[in-house]
Amino acid sequence: MIKHMLAMLRDDEGATMVEYGIMVALIAAVCIVLVTTLGKNVSNAFNSVNTAL
């Protein structure tokens, strides 16, 4: 019985899926922040060019 419980605790097959899910969520969050920041900067640049014209 103890061997069976130890084998279940050592089984990390499900943990890898959770780790991949967390990794994908973090990558998506970073992409959203970058696109938002760059979008504002690009918008400001176009506005300044438009004003200069």
N, C-alpha and C. Protein backbone atom coordinates (compact mmCIF):
# COMPACT_ATOMS: atom_id res chain seq x y z
N MET A 1 0.82 -1.19 0.00
CA MET A 1 0.00 0.00 0.00
C MET A 1 0.87 1.26 0.00
N ILE A 2 1.91 1.27 0.80
CA ILE A 2 2.79 2.44 0.87
C ILE A 2 3.52 2.62 -0.45
N LYS A 3 3.93 1.53 -1.06
CA LYS A 3 4.62 1.63 -2.35
C LYS A 3 3.70 2.24 -3.41
N HIS A 4 2.42 1.85 -3.36
CA HIS A 4 1.45 2.39 -4.33
C HIS A 4 1.26 3.89 -4.12
N MET A 5 1.20 4.34 -2.87
CA MET A 5 1.03 5.76 -2.58
C MET A 5 2.27 6.55 -3.00
N LEU A 6 3.44 6.00 -2.76
CA LEU A 6 4.67 6.67 -3.16
C LEU A 6 4.77 6.76 -4.68
N ALA A 7 4.30 5.73 -5.37
CA ALA A 7 4.32 5.75 -6.83
C ALA A 7 3.37 6.83 -7.35
N MET A 8 2.24 7.01 -6.70
CA MET A 8 1.30 8.05 -7.12
C MET A 8 1.88 9.44 -6.89
N LEU A 9 2.60 9.62 -5.80
CA LEU A 9 3.21 10.92 -5.51
C LEU A 9 4.33 11.25 -6.48
N ARG A 10 5.03 10.24 -6.95
CA ARG A 10 6.14 10.46 -7.87
C ARG A 10 5.68 10.64 -9.32
N ASP A 11 4.45 10.28 -9.61
CA ASP A 11 3.92 10.39 -10.97
C ASP A 11 3.73 11.86 -11.29
N ASP A 12 4.54 12.39 -12.21
CA ASP A 12 4.47 13.81 -12.53
C ASP A 12 3.94 14.06 -13.94
N GLU A 13 3.21 13.13 -14.48
CA GLU A 13 2.68 13.27 -15.84
C GLU A 13 1.69 14.43 -15.93
N GLY A 14 0.83 14.58 -14.96
CA GLY A 14 -0.13 15.67 -14.97
C GLY A 14 0.51 17.02 -14.70
N ALA A 15 1.60 17.03 -13.98
CA ALA A 15 2.27 18.29 -13.64
C ALA A 15 2.84 18.95 -14.88
N THR A 16 3.30 18.18 -15.84
CA THR A 16 3.87 18.79 -17.03
C THR A 16 2.82 19.55 -17.81
N MET A 17 1.58 19.06 -17.85
CA MET A 17 0.50 19.77 -18.53
C MET A 17 0.22 21.08 -17.83
N VAL A 18 0.22 21.06 -16.51
CA VAL A 18 -0.02 22.28 -15.74
C VAL A 18 1.11 23.28 -16.00
N GLU A 19 2.33 22.80 -16.03
CA GLU A 19 3.47 23.68 -16.29
C GLU A 19 3.37 24.30 -17.68
N TYR A 20 3.00 23.52 -18.66
CA TYR A 20 2.83 24.07 -20.02
C TYR A 20 1.71 25.11 -20.04
N GLY A 21 0.65 24.85 -19.33
CA GLY A 21 -0.46 25.81 -19.27
C GLY A 21 -0.04 27.13 -18.63
N ILE A 22 0.73 27.04 -17.55
CA ILE A 22 1.23 28.25 -16.90
C ILE A 22 2.18 29.00 -17.82
N MET A 23 3.04 28.27 -18.51
CA MET A 23 3.99 28.90 -19.43
C MET A 23 3.25 29.63 -20.55
N VAL A 24 2.24 29.00 -21.12
CA VAL A 24 1.47 29.62 -22.20
C VAL A 24 0.75 30.87 -21.68
N ALA A 25 0.20 30.80 -20.48
CA ALA A 25 -0.49 31.96 -19.91
C ALA A 25 0.48 33.12 -19.68
N LEU A 26 1.68 32.83 -19.20
CA LEU A 26 2.67 33.90 -18.99
C LEU A 26 3.13 34.51 -20.30
N ILE A 27 3.33 33.68 -21.31
CA ILE A 27 3.74 34.19 -22.62
C ILE A 27 2.63 35.08 -23.20
N ALA A 28 1.38 34.65 -23.06
CA ALA A 28 0.26 35.45 -23.56
C ALA A 28 0.18 36.78 -22.82
N ALA A 29 0.40 36.78 -21.52
CA ALA A 29 0.35 38.02 -20.75
C ALA A 29 1.44 38.98 -21.19
N VAL A 30 2.64 38.47 -21.41
CA VAL A 30 3.75 39.31 -21.87
C VAL A 30 3.44 39.88 -23.25
N CYS A 31 2.90 39.08 -24.13
CA CYS A 31 2.55 39.55 -25.48
C CYS A 31 1.50 40.65 -25.41
N ILE A 32 0.50 40.49 -24.56
CA ILE A 32 -0.54 41.51 -24.44
C ILE A 32 0.03 42.82 -23.93
N VAL A 33 0.91 42.75 -22.94
CA VAL A 33 1.52 43.96 -22.40
C VAL A 33 2.38 44.64 -23.46
N LEU A 34 3.16 43.86 -24.20
CA LEU A 34 4.02 44.44 -25.23
C LEU A 34 3.21 45.08 -26.35
N VAL A 35 2.18 44.41 -26.80
CA VAL A 35 1.37 44.96 -27.89
C VAL A 35 0.66 46.23 -27.43
N THR A 36 0.16 46.25 -26.21
CA THR A 36 -0.50 47.44 -25.68
C THR A 36 0.47 48.62 -25.60
N THR A 37 1.66 48.37 -25.07
CA THR A 37 2.66 49.43 -24.93
C THR A 37 3.12 49.92 -26.28
N LEU A 38 3.47 49.00 -27.17
CA LEU A 38 3.94 49.40 -28.49
C LEU A 38 2.83 50.08 -29.29
N GLY A 39 1.60 49.64 -29.10
CA GLY A 39 0.48 50.26 -29.80
C GLY A 39 0.31 51.71 -29.42
N LYS A 40 0.47 52.01 -28.14
CA LYS A 40 0.38 53.39 -27.68
C LYS A 40 1.52 54.23 -28.25
N ASN A 41 2.72 53.66 -28.26
CA ASN A 41 3.88 54.40 -28.79
C ASN A 41 3.73 54.66 -30.28
N VAL A 42 3.27 53.68 -31.02
CA VAL A 42 3.08 53.85 -32.47
C VAL A 42 1.98 54.86 -32.73
N SER A 43 0.92 54.81 -31.95
CA SER A 43 -0.17 55.77 -32.10
C SER A 43 0.32 57.19 -31.83
N ASN A 44 1.12 57.36 -30.81
CA ASN A 44 1.68 58.68 -30.51
C ASN A 44 2.58 59.17 -31.64
N ALA A 45 3.36 58.28 -32.20
CA ALA A 45 4.25 58.65 -33.32
C ALA A 45 3.44 59.08 -34.53
N PHE A 46 2.39 58.35 -34.87
CA PHE A 46 1.54 58.74 -36.00
C PHE A 46 0.85 60.06 -35.75
N ASN A 47 0.41 60.28 -34.51
CA ASN A 47 -0.24 61.54 -34.18
C ASN A 47 0.72 62.72 -34.32
N SER A 48 1.97 62.54 -33.89
CA SER A 48 2.94 63.64 -34.00
C SER A 48 3.27 63.91 -35.47
N VAL A 49 3.37 62.87 -36.29
CA VAL A 49 3.62 63.05 -37.72
C VAL A 49 2.42 63.74 -38.36
N ASN A 50 1.23 63.35 -37.98
CA ASN A 50 0.02 63.94 -38.52
C ASN A 50 -0.06 65.43 -38.15
N THR A 51 0.31 65.74 -36.93
CA THR A 51 0.28 67.12 -36.48
C THR A 51 1.33 67.95 -37.22
N ALA A 52 2.49 67.35 -37.47
CA ALA A 52 3.57 68.06 -38.15
C ALA A 52 3.20 68.34 -39.61
N LEU A 53 2.41 67.46 -40.21
CA LEU A 53 2.03 67.68 -41.60
C LEU A 53 0.97 68.76 -41.68
